[in-house]
All heavy atoms as atom14 arrays in JSON, in Angstrom:
{
  "sequence": "VLVAPVASTDAIAMLRPLVDEVVCPLVPDALSSIGEWYSDFGQTS",
  "atom14_mask": [
    [1, 1, 1, 1, 1, 1, 1, 0, 0, 0, 0, 0, 0, 0],
    [1, 1, 1, 1, 1, 1, 1, 1, 0, 0, 0, 0, 0, 0],
    [1, 1, 1, 1, 1, 1, 1, 0, 0, 0, 0, 0, 0, 0],
    [1, 1, 1, 1, 1, 0, 0, 0, 0, 0, 0, 0, 0, 0],
    [1, 1, 1, 1, 1, 1, 1, 0, 0, 0, 0, 0, 0, 0],
    [1, 1, 1, 1, 1, 1, 1, 0, 0, 0, 0, 0, 0, 0],
    [1, 1, 1, 1, 1, 0, 0, 0, 0, 0, 0, 0, 0, 0],
    [1, 1, 1, 1, 1, 1, 0, 0, 0, 0, 0, 0, 0, 0],
    [1, 1, 1, 1, 1, 1, 1, 0, 0, 0, 0, 0, 0, 0],
    [1, 1, 1, 1, 1, 1, 1, 1, 0, 0, 0, 0, 0, 0],
    [1, 1, 1, 1, 1, 0, 0, 0, 0, 0, 0, 0, 0, 0],
    [1, 1, 1, 1, 1, 1, 1, 1, 0, 0, 0, 0, 0, 0],
    [1, 1, 1, 1, 1, 0, 0, 0, 0, 0, 0, 0, 0, 0],
    [1, 1, 1, 1, 1, 1, 1, 1, 0, 0, 0, 0, 0, 0],
    [1, 1, 1, 1, 1, 1, 1, 1, 0, 0, 0, 0, 0, 0],
    [1, 1, 1, 1, 1, 1, 1, 1, 1, 1, 1, 0, 0, 0],
    [1, 1, 1, 1, 1, 1, 1, 0, 0, 0, 0, 0, 0, 0],
    [1, 1, 1, 1, 1, 1, 1, 1, 0, 0, 0, 0, 0, 0],
    [1, 1, 1, 1, 1, 1, 1, 0, 0, 0, 0, 0, 0, 0],
    [1, 1, 1, 1, 1, 1, 1, 1, 0, 0, 0, 0, 0, 0],
    [1, 1, 1, 1, 1, 1, 1, 1, 1, 0, 0, 0, 0, 0],
    [1, 1, 1, 1, 1, 1, 1, 0, 0, 0, 0, 0, 0, 0],
    [1, 1, 1, 1, 1, 1, 1, 0, 0, 0, 0, 0, 0, 0],
    [1, 1, 1, 1, 1, 1, 0, 0, 0, 0, 0, 0, 0, 0],
    [1, 1, 1, 1, 1, 1, 1, 0, 0, 0, 0, 0, 0, 0],
    [1, 1, 1, 1, 1, 1, 1, 1, 0, 0, 0, 0, 0, 0],
    [1, 1, 1, 1, 1, 1, 1, 0, 0, 0, 0, 0, 0, 0],
    [1, 1, 1, 1, 1, 1, 1, 0, 0, 0, 0, 0, 0, 0],
    [1, 1, 1, 1, 1, 1, 1, 1, 0, 0, 0, 0, 0, 0],
    [1, 1, 1, 1, 1, 0, 0, 0, 0, 0, 0, 0, 0, 0],
    [1, 1, 1, 1, 1, 1, 1, 1, 0, 0, 0, 0, 0, 0],
    [1, 1, 1, 1, 1, 1, 0, 0, 0, 0, 0, 0, 0, 0],
    [1, 1, 1, 1, 1, 1, 0, 0, 0, 0, 0, 0, 0, 0],
    [1, 1, 1, 1, 1, 1, 1, 1, 0, 0, 0, 0, 0, 0],
    [1, 1, 1, 1, 0, 0, 0, 0, 0, 0, 0, 0, 0, 0],
    [1, 1, 1, 1, 1, 1, 1, 1, 1, 0, 0, 0, 0, 0],
    [1, 1, 1, 1, 1, 1, 1, 1, 1, 1, 1, 1, 1, 1],
    [1, 1, 1, 1, 1, 1, 1, 1, 1, 1, 1, 1, 0, 0],
    [1, 1, 1, 1, 1, 1, 0, 0, 0, 0, 0, 0, 0, 0],
    [1, 1, 1, 1, 1, 1, 1, 1, 0, 0, 0, 0, 0, 0],
    [1, 1, 1, 1, 1, 1, 1, 1, 1, 1, 1, 0, 0, 0],
    [1, 1, 1, 1, 0, 0, 0, 0, 0, 0, 0, 0, 0, 0],
    [1, 1, 1, 1, 1, 1, 1, 1, 1, 0, 0, 0, 0, 0],
    [1, 1, 1, 1, 1, 1, 1, 0, 0, 0, 0, 0, 0, 0],
    [1, 1, 1, 1, 1, 1, 0, 0, 0, 0, 0, 0, 0, 0]
  ],
  "atom14_positions": [
    [[-153.1, 168.63, 42.69], [-153.22, 167.2, 42.43], [-153.77, 167.02, 41.02], [-154.88, 167.48, 40.72], [-154.15, 166.52, 43.45], [-154.2, 165.01, 43.21], [-153.7, 166.82, 44.87], [0.0, 0.0, 0.0], [0.0, 0.0, 0.0], [0.0, 0.0, 0.0], [0.0, 0.0, 0.0], [0.0, 0.0, 0.0], [0.0, 0.0, 0.0], [0.0, 0.0, 0.0]],
    [[-153.0, 166.39, 40.15], [-153.43, 166.13, 38.79], [-154.26, 164.85, 38.79], [-153.8, 163.81, 39.28], [-152.21, 165.99, 37.88], [-152.44, 165.84, 36.38], [-151.21, 166.31, 35.62], [-152.74, 164.39, 35.99], [0.0, 0.0, 0.0], [0.0, 0.0, 0.0], [0.0, 0.0, 0.0], [0.0, 0.0, 0.0], [0.0, 0.0, 0.0], [0.0, 0.0, 0.0]],
    [[-155.47, 164.91, 38.24], [-156.4, 163.79, 38.28], [-156.93, 163.49, 36.89], [-157.5, 164.36, 36.23], [-157.58, 164.09, 39.23], [-158.5, 162.88, 39.33], [-157.09, 164.51, 40.62], [0.0, 0.0, 0.0], [0.0, 0.0, 0.0], [0.0, 0.0, 0.0], [0.0, 0.0, 0.0], [0.0, 0.0, 0.0], [0.0, 0.0, 0.0], [0.0, 0.0, 0.0]],
    [[-156.75, 162.24, 36.43], [-157.3, 161.8, 35.15], [-157.42, 160.28, 35.19], [-156.61, 159.61, 35.81], [-156.4, 162.23, 33.99], [0.0, 0.0, 0.0], [0.0, 0.0, 0.0], [0.0, 0.0, 0.0], [0.0, 0.0, 0.0], [0.0, 0.0, 0.0], [0.0, 0.0, 0.0], [0.0, 0.0, 0.0], [0.0, 0.0, 0.0], [0.0, 0.0, 0.0]],
    [[-158.42, 159.73, 34.5], [-158.56, 158.27, 34.49], [-157.53, 157.57, 33.62], [-157.16, 156.43, 33.89], [-159.98, 158.06, 33.95], [-160.27, 159.3, 33.17], [-159.54, 160.41, 33.84], [0.0, 0.0, 0.0], [0.0, 0.0, 0.0], [0.0, 0.0, 0.0], [0.0, 0.0, 0.0], [0.0, 0.0, 0.0], [0.0, 0.0, 0.0], [0.0, 0.0, 0.0]],
    [[-157.06, 158.24, 32.56], [-156.13, 157.62, 31.62], [-155.21, 158.69, 31.05], [-155.63, 159.83, 30.84], [-156.89, 156.87, 30.49], [-157.83, 157.81, 29.73], [-155.93, 156.19, 29.53], [0.0, 0.0, 0.0], [0.0, 0.0, 0.0], [0.0, 0.0, 0.0], [0.0, 0.0, 0.0], [0.0, 0.0, 0.0], [0.0, 0.0, 0.0], [0.0, 0.0, 0.0]],
    [[-153.95, 158.31, 30.83], [-152.98, 159.27, 30.28], [-151.87, 158.51, 29.59], [-151.6, 157.34, 29.89], [-152.41, 160.15, 31.38], [0.0, 0.0, 0.0], [0.0, 0.0, 0.0], [0.0, 0.0, 0.0], [0.0, 0.0, 0.0], [0.0, 0.0, 0.0], [0.0, 0.0, 0.0], [0.0, 0.0, 0.0], [0.0, 0.0, 0.0], [0.0, 0.0, 0.0]],
    [[-151.21, 159.19, 28.66], [-150.04, 158.61, 28.0], [-148.84, 158.67, 28.93], [-148.78, 159.51, 29.84], [-149.73, 159.36, 26.71], [-149.27, 160.68, 27.0], [0.0, 0.0, 0.0], [0.0, 0.0, 0.0], [0.0, 0.0, 0.0], [0.0, 0.0, 0.0], [0.0, 0.0, 0.0], [0.0, 0.0, 0.0], [0.0, 0.0, 0.0], [0.0, 0.0, 0.0]],
    [[-147.87, 157.8, 28.7], [-146.65, 157.83, 29.51], [-145.91, 159.15, 29.32], [-145.34, 159.68, 30.27], [-145.73, 156.66, 29.14], [-145.46, 156.69, 27.73], [-146.38, 155.32, 29.48], [0.0, 0.0, 0.0], [0.0, 0.0, 0.0], [0.0, 0.0, 0.0], [0.0, 0.0, 0.0], [0.0, 0.0, 0.0], [0.0, 0.0, 0.0], [0.0, 0.0, 0.0]],
    [[-145.92, 159.69, 28.1], [-145.24, 160.96, 27.84], [-145.89, 162.1, 28.62], [-145.2, 162.97, 29.17], [-145.26, 161.29, 26.34], [-144.3, 160.43, 25.54], [-143.45, 159.75, 26.14], [-144.41, 160.43, 24.3], [0.0, 0.0, 0.0], [0.0, 0.0, 0.0], [0.0, 0.0, 0.0], [0.0, 0.0, 0.0], [0.0, 0.0, 0.0], [0.0, 0.0, 0.0]],
    [[-147.23, 162.12, 28.65], [-147.93, 163.19, 29.38], [-147.61, 163.12, 30.86], [-147.34, 164.15, 31.5], [-149.43, 163.08, 29.15], [0.0, 0.0, 0.0], [0.0, 0.0, 0.0], [0.0, 0.0, 0.0], [0.0, 0.0, 0.0], [0.0, 0.0, 0.0], [0.0, 0.0, 0.0], [0.0, 0.0, 0.0], [0.0, 0.0, 0.0], [0.0, 0.0, 0.0]],
    [[-147.62, 161.93, 31.42], [-147.33, 161.78, 32.85], [-145.89, 162.2, 33.15], [-145.61, 162.9, 34.14], [-147.59, 160.34, 33.31], [-149.1, 160.02, 33.26], [-147.05, 160.11, 34.71], [-149.94, 160.83, 34.2], [0.0, 0.0, 0.0], [0.0, 0.0, 0.0], [0.0, 0.0, 0.0], [0.0, 0.0, 0.0], [0.0, 0.0, 0.0], [0.0, 0.0, 0.0]],
    [[-144.96, 161.79, 32.28], [-143.56, 162.14, 32.5], [-143.36, 163.65, 32.47], [-142.56, 164.2, 33.24], [-142.69, 161.47, 31.44], [0.0, 0.0, 0.0], [0.0, 0.0, 0.0], [0.0, 0.0, 0.0], [0.0, 0.0, 0.0], [0.0, 0.0, 0.0], [0.0, 0.0, 0.0], [0.0, 0.0, 0.0], [0.0, 0.0, 0.0], [0.0, 0.0, 0.0]],
    [[-144.08, 164.34, 31.59], [-143.95, 165.79, 31.49], [-144.59, 166.5, 32.67], [-144.05, 167.47, 33.21], [-144.6, 166.29, 30.2], [-144.6, 167.81, 30.06], [-145.43, 168.41, 28.58], [-147.14, 167.98, 28.9], [0.0, 0.0, 0.0], [0.0, 0.0, 0.0], [0.0, 0.0, 0.0], [0.0, 0.0, 0.0], [0.0, 0.0, 0.0], [0.0, 0.0, 0.0]],
    [[-145.75, 166.0, 33.12], [-146.54, 166.73, 34.1], [-146.18, 166.41, 35.55], [-146.34, 167.27, 36.43], [-148.03, 166.42, 33.89], [-148.62, 166.98, 32.59], [-149.95, 166.31, 32.28], [-148.8, 168.48, 32.69], [0.0, 0.0, 0.0], [0.0, 0.0, 0.0], [0.0, 0.0, 0.0], [0.0, 0.0, 0.0], [0.0, 0.0, 0.0], [0.0, 0.0, 0.0]],
    [[-145.68, 165.22, 35.82], [-145.43, 164.82, 37.2], [-144.51, 165.78, 37.95], [-144.76, 166.1, 39.12], [-144.88, 163.39, 37.24], [-144.68, 162.88, 38.66], [-144.58, 161.39, 38.75], [-143.93, 160.77, 37.62], [-143.86, 159.45, 37.44], [-144.43, 158.65, 38.31], [-143.23, 158.95, 36.4], [0.0, 0.0, 0.0], [0.0, 0.0, 0.0], [0.0, 0.0, 0.0]],
    [[-143.44, 166.31, 37.31], [-142.59, 167.26, 38.06], [-143.25, 168.61, 38.35], [-142.75, 169.37, 39.17], [-141.38, 167.45, 37.12], [-141.41, 166.31, 36.16], [-142.85, 165.99, 36.0], [0.0, 0.0, 0.0], [0.0, 0.0, 0.0], [0.0, 0.0, 0.0], [0.0, 0.0, 0.0], [0.0, 0.0, 0.0], [0.0, 0.0, 0.0], [0.0, 0.0, 0.0]],
    [[-144.37, 168.89, 37.68], [-145.01, 170.2, 37.81], [-146.07, 170.25, 38.9], [-146.57, 171.33, 39.23], [-145.65, 170.6, 36.48], [-144.75, 170.56, 35.24], [-145.54, 170.97, 34.01], [-143.54, 171.46, 35.43], [0.0, 0.0, 0.0], [0.0, 0.0, 0.0], [0.0, 0.0, 0.0], [0.0, 0.0, 0.0], [0.0, 0.0, 0.0], [0.0, 0.0, 0.0]],
    [[-146.46, 169.08, 39.43], [-147.56, 169.02, 40.4], [-147.08, 168.31, 41.67], [-145.98, 167.75, 41.71], [-148.8, 168.31, 39.81], [-149.32, 169.08, 38.61], [-148.48, 166.86, 39.43], [0.0, 0.0, 0.0], [0.0, 0.0, 0.0], [0.0, 0.0, 0.0], [0.0, 0.0, 0.0], [0.0, 0.0, 0.0], [0.0, 0.0, 0.0], [0.0, 0.0, 0.0]],
    [[-147.93, 168.31, 42.68], [-147.57, 167.69, 43.95], [-147.97, 166.22, 44.02], [-147.39, 165.45, 44.79], [-148.24, 168.46, 45.1], [-147.79, 169.91, 45.12], [-146.63, 170.16, 45.51], [-148.58, 170.79, 44.72], [0.0, 0.0, 0.0], [0.0, 0.0, 0.0], [0.0, 0.0, 0.0], [0.0, 0.0, 0.0], [0.0, 0.0, 0.0], [0.0, 0.0, 0.0]],
    [[-148.97, 165.85, 43.24], [-149.45, 164.46, 43.26], [-150.13, 164.17, 41.94], [-150.77, 165.05, 41.34], [-150.42, 164.24, 44.43], [-150.92, 162.82, 44.55], [-151.88, 162.61, 45.73], [-152.19, 163.61, 46.41], [-152.32, 161.47, 45.93], [0.0, 0.0, 0.0], [0.0, 0.0, 0.0], [0.0, 0.0, 0.0], [0.0, 0.0, 0.0], [0.0, 0.0, 0.0]],
    [[-149.99, 162.93, 41.47], [-150.68, 162.46, 40.27], [-151.57, 161.29, 40.65], [-151.11, 160.33, 41.28], [-149.68, 162.02, 39.18], [-150.42, 161.35, 38.02], [-148.88, 163.21, 38.67], [0.0, 0.0, 0.0], [0.0, 0.0, 0.0], [0.0, 0.0, 0.0], [0.0, 0.0, 0.0], [0.0, 0.0, 0.0], [0.0, 0.0, 0.0], [0.0, 0.0, 0.0]],
    [[-152.86, 161.36, 40.3], [-153.78, 160.25, 40.48], [-154.31, 159.88, 39.11], [-155.17, 160.58, 38.54], [-154.93, 160.63, 41.44], [-155.93, 159.48, 41.55], [-154.39, 160.98, 42.82], [0.0, 0.0, 0.0], [0.0, 0.0, 0.0], [0.0, 0.0, 0.0], [0.0, 0.0, 0.0], [0.0, 0.0, 0.0], [0.0, 0.0, 0.0], [0.0, 0.0, 0.0]],
    [[-153.76, 158.81, 38.54], [-154.14, 158.35, 37.2], [-154.01, 156.83, 37.18], [-152.9, 156.31, 37.11], [-153.24, 158.99, 36.15], [-153.68, 158.54, 34.45], [0.0, 0.0, 0.0], [0.0, 0.0, 0.0], [0.0, 0.0, 0.0], [0.0, 0.0, 0.0], [0.0, 0.0, 0.0], [0.0, 0.0, 0.0], [0.0, 0.0, 0.0], [0.0, 0.0, 0.0]],
    [[-155.13, 156.12, 37.25], [-155.08, 154.67, 37.39], [-154.7, 153.91, 36.13], [-154.38, 152.73, 36.2], [-156.49, 154.31, 37.84], [-157.35, 155.41, 37.32], [-156.5, 156.65, 37.37], [0.0, 0.0, 0.0], [0.0, 0.0, 0.0], [0.0, 0.0, 0.0], [0.0, 0.0, 0.0], [0.0, 0.0, 0.0], [0.0, 0.0, 0.0], [0.0, 0.0, 0.0]],
    [[-154.74, 154.55, 34.96], [-154.46, 153.84, 33.71], [-153.45, 154.62, 32.88], [-153.76, 155.7, 32.38], [-155.77, 153.64, 32.93], [-155.69, 152.89, 31.6], [-155.12, 151.48, 31.8], [-157.07, 152.82, 30.94], [0.0, 0.0, 0.0], [0.0, 0.0, 0.0], [0.0, 0.0, 0.0], [0.0, 0.0, 0.0], [0.0, 0.0, 0.0], [0.0, 0.0, 0.0]],
    [[-152.24, 154.07, 32.76], [-151.19, 154.69, 31.95], [-150.67, 153.61, 31.0], [-149.68, 152.94, 31.28], [-150.05, 155.26, 32.82], [-149.05, 156.02, 31.94], [-150.59, 156.18, 33.9], [0.0, 0.0, 0.0], [0.0, 0.0, 0.0], [0.0, 0.0, 0.0], [0.0, 0.0, 0.0], [0.0, 0.0, 0.0], [0.0, 0.0, 0.0], [0.0, 0.0, 0.0]],
    [[-151.35, 153.41, 29.86], [-150.95, 152.34, 28.94], [-149.62, 152.63, 28.26], [-149.23, 153.79, 28.1], [-152.1, 152.32, 27.92], [-152.69, 153.68, 27.98], [-152.53, 154.15, 29.39], [0.0, 0.0, 0.0], [0.0, 0.0, 0.0], [0.0, 0.0, 0.0], [0.0, 0.0, 0.0], [0.0, 0.0, 0.0], [0.0, 0.0, 0.0], [0.0, 0.0, 0.0]],
    [[-148.94, 151.57, 27.86], [-147.66, 151.73, 27.16], [-147.83, 152.45, 25.83], [-146.94, 153.19, 25.4], [-147.01, 150.36, 26.93], [-146.58, 149.7, 28.22], [-146.29, 150.43, 29.18], [-146.55, 148.46, 28.28], [0.0, 0.0, 0.0], [0.0, 0.0, 0.0], [0.0, 0.0, 0.0], [0.0, 0.0, 0.0], [0.0, 0.0, 0.0], [0.0, 0.0, 0.0]],
    [[-148.96, 152.22, 25.17], [-149.24, 152.88, 23.89], [-150.62, 153.52, 23.95], [-151.59, 152.88, 24.36], [-149.18, 151.87, 22.75], [0.0, 0.0, 0.0], [0.0, 0.0, 0.0], [0.0, 0.0, 0.0], [0.0, 0.0, 0.0], [0.0, 0.0, 0.0], [0.0, 0.0, 0.0], [0.0, 0.0, 0.0], [0.0, 0.0, 0.0], [0.0, 0.0, 0.0]],
    [[-150.7, 154.79, 23.58], [-151.97, 155.51, 23.59], [-152.0, 156.42, 22.38], [-151.21, 157.37, 22.28], [-152.11, 156.33, 24.88], [-153.44, 157.05, 25.13], [-153.73, 157.18, 26.62], [-153.46, 158.43, 24.48], [0.0, 0.0, 0.0], [0.0, 0.0, 0.0], [0.0, 0.0, 0.0], [0.0, 0.0, 0.0], [0.0, 0.0, 0.0], [0.0, 0.0, 0.0]],
    [[-152.91, 156.12, 21.45], [-153.03, 156.96, 20.25], [-154.14, 157.98, 20.4], [-154.09, 159.05, 19.8], [-153.26, 156.1, 19.01], [-154.43, 155.31, 19.15], [0.0, 0.0, 0.0], [0.0, 0.0, 0.0], [0.0, 0.0, 0.0], [0.0, 0.0, 0.0], [0.0, 0.0, 0.0], [0.0, 0.0, 0.0], [0.0, 0.0, 0.0], [0.0, 0.0, 0.0]],
    [[-155.17, 157.65, 21.2], [-156.24, 158.62, 21.47], [-156.91, 158.24, 22.79], [-156.92, 157.06, 23.18], [-157.28, 158.63, 20.35], [-158.06, 157.45, 20.37], [0.0, 0.0, 0.0], [0.0, 0.0, 0.0], [0.0, 0.0, 0.0], [0.0, 0.0, 0.0], [0.0, 0.0, 0.0], [0.0, 0.0, 0.0], [0.0, 0.0, 0.0], [0.0, 0.0, 0.0]],
    [[-157.48, 159.24, 23.48], [-158.17, 158.98, 24.73], [-159.43, 158.15, 24.49], [-159.74, 157.24, 25.26], [-158.53, 160.3, 25.43], [-157.26, 161.11, 25.76], [-159.34, 160.05, 26.7], [-156.29, 160.39, 26.65], [0.0, 0.0, 0.0], [0.0, 0.0, 0.0], [0.0, 0.0, 0.0], [0.0, 0.0, 0.0], [0.0, 0.0, 0.0], [0.0, 0.0, 0.0]],
    [[-160.13, 158.44, 23.42], [-161.4, 157.77, 23.15], [-161.29, 156.25, 23.04], [-162.26, 155.54, 23.32], [0.0, 0.0, 0.0], [0.0, 0.0, 0.0], [0.0, 0.0, 0.0], [0.0, 0.0, 0.0], [0.0, 0.0, 0.0], [0.0, 0.0, 0.0], [0.0, 0.0, 0.0], [0.0, 0.0, 0.0], [0.0, 0.0, 0.0], [0.0, 0.0, 0.0]],
    [[-160.13, 155.74, 22.64], [-159.98, 154.29, 22.47], [-160.06, 153.55, 23.8], [-160.25, 152.33, 23.83], [-158.66, 153.96, 21.77], [-157.42, 154.24, 22.6], [-156.13, 153.94, 21.85], [-156.07, 152.93, 21.14], [-155.18, 154.74, 21.99], [0.0, 0.0, 0.0], [0.0, 0.0, 0.0], [0.0, 0.0, 0.0], [0.0, 0.0, 0.0], [0.0, 0.0, 0.0]],
    [[-159.92, 154.28, 24.92], [-159.94, 153.64, 26.24], [-161.3, 153.78, 26.92], [-161.46, 153.39, 28.07], [-158.83, 154.22, 27.12], [-157.49, 153.86, 26.54], [-156.72, 154.61, 25.69], [-156.8, 152.63, 26.72], [-155.59, 153.92, 25.34], [-155.6, 152.71, 25.95], [-157.05, 151.47, 27.45], [-154.69, 151.65, 25.9], [-156.14, 150.43, 27.41], [-154.98, 150.53, 26.64]],
    [[-162.28, 154.32, 26.22], [-163.65, 154.45, 26.71], [-164.61, 153.66, 25.84], [-164.44, 153.59, 24.61], [-164.1, 155.91, 26.65], [-163.64, 156.81, 27.77], [-162.39, 157.4, 27.76], [-164.5, 157.12, 28.83], [-161.98, 158.26, 28.78], [-164.11, 157.98, 29.84], [-162.86, 158.55, 29.81], [-162.46, 159.42, 30.82], [0.0, 0.0, 0.0], [0.0, 0.0, 0.0]],
    [[-165.65, 153.1, 26.46], [-166.76, 152.52, 25.69], [-167.62, 153.64, 25.1], [-168.04, 153.58, 23.95], [-167.63, 151.62, 26.58], [-166.91, 150.48, 26.99], [0.0, 0.0, 0.0], [0.0, 0.0, 0.0], [0.0, 0.0, 0.0], [0.0, 0.0, 0.0], [0.0, 0.0, 0.0], [0.0, 0.0, 0.0], [0.0, 0.0, 0.0], [0.0, 0.0, 0.0]],
    [[-167.9, 154.65, 25.93], [-168.7, 155.8, 25.5], [-167.86, 157.06, 25.72], [-167.63, 157.46, 26.86], [-169.99, 155.87, 26.3], [-170.86, 157.08, 25.93], [-170.44, 157.87, 25.05], [-171.93, 157.26, 26.53], [0.0, 0.0, 0.0], [0.0, 0.0, 0.0], [0.0, 0.0, 0.0], [0.0, 0.0, 0.0], [0.0, 0.0, 0.0], [0.0, 0.0, 0.0]],
    [[-167.41, 157.67, 24.62], [-166.62, 158.9, 24.7], [-167.27, 159.97, 23.85], [-166.6, 160.75, 23.19], [-165.19, 158.62, 24.25], [-164.2, 159.68, 24.68], [-163.94, 159.92, 26.01], [-163.52, 160.45, 23.73], [-163.02, 160.89, 26.41], [-162.59, 161.42, 24.11], [-162.34, 161.63, 25.44], [0.0, 0.0, 0.0], [0.0, 0.0, 0.0], [0.0, 0.0, 0.0]],
    [[-168.61, 159.99, 23.9], [-169.34, 161.0, 23.14], [-169.0, 162.4, 23.62], [-168.64, 162.6, 24.79], [0.0, 0.0, 0.0], [0.0, 0.0, 0.0], [0.0, 0.0, 0.0], [0.0, 0.0, 0.0], [0.0, 0.0, 0.0], [0.0, 0.0, 0.0], [0.0, 0.0, 0.0], [0.0, 0.0, 0.0], [0.0, 0.0, 0.0], [0.0, 0.0, 0.0]],
    [[-169.1, 163.36, 22.72], [-168.74, 164.74, 23.06], [-169.65, 165.28, 24.16], [-170.86, 165.1, 24.13], [-168.82, 165.63, 21.82], [-168.27, 167.03, 22.05], [-168.28, 167.84, 20.76], [-169.33, 168.16, 20.22], [-167.11, 168.18, 20.26], [0.0, 0.0, 0.0], [0.0, 0.0, 0.0], [0.0, 0.0, 0.0], [0.0, 0.0, 0.0], [0.0, 0.0, 0.0]],
    [[-169.06, 165.95, 25.12], [-169.82, 166.63, 26.17], [-170.29, 167.98, 25.62], [-169.49, 168.75, 25.11], [-168.95, 166.86, 27.42], [-168.43, 165.61, 27.87], [-169.74, 167.52, 28.54], [0.0, 0.0, 0.0], [0.0, 0.0, 0.0], [0.0, 0.0, 0.0], [0.0, 0.0, 0.0], [0.0, 0.0, 0.0], [0.0, 0.0, 0.0], [0.0, 0.0, 0.0]],
    [[-171.59, 168.24, 25.73], [-172.14, 169.47, 25.15], [-172.05, 170.63, 26.13], [-171.9, 170.45, 27.34], [-173.61, 169.26, 24.77], [-174.4, 169.08, 25.95], [0.0, 0.0, 0.0], [0.0, 0.0, 0.0], [0.0, 0.0, 0.0], [0.0, 0.0, 0.0], [0.0, 0.0, 0.0], [0.0, 0.0, 0.0], [0.0, 0.0, 0.0], [0.0, 0.0, 0.0]]
  ]
}
């Protein structure tokens, strides 16, 4: 089961045939970076 809060349409199209289920609540029409969809996207140490 592929799980992510946000993904590009291209990524989902590529990955969906490779897995049994996709859980991704936000797939915007345009996505230039993941960080733009978060208020806080500070680096995880």
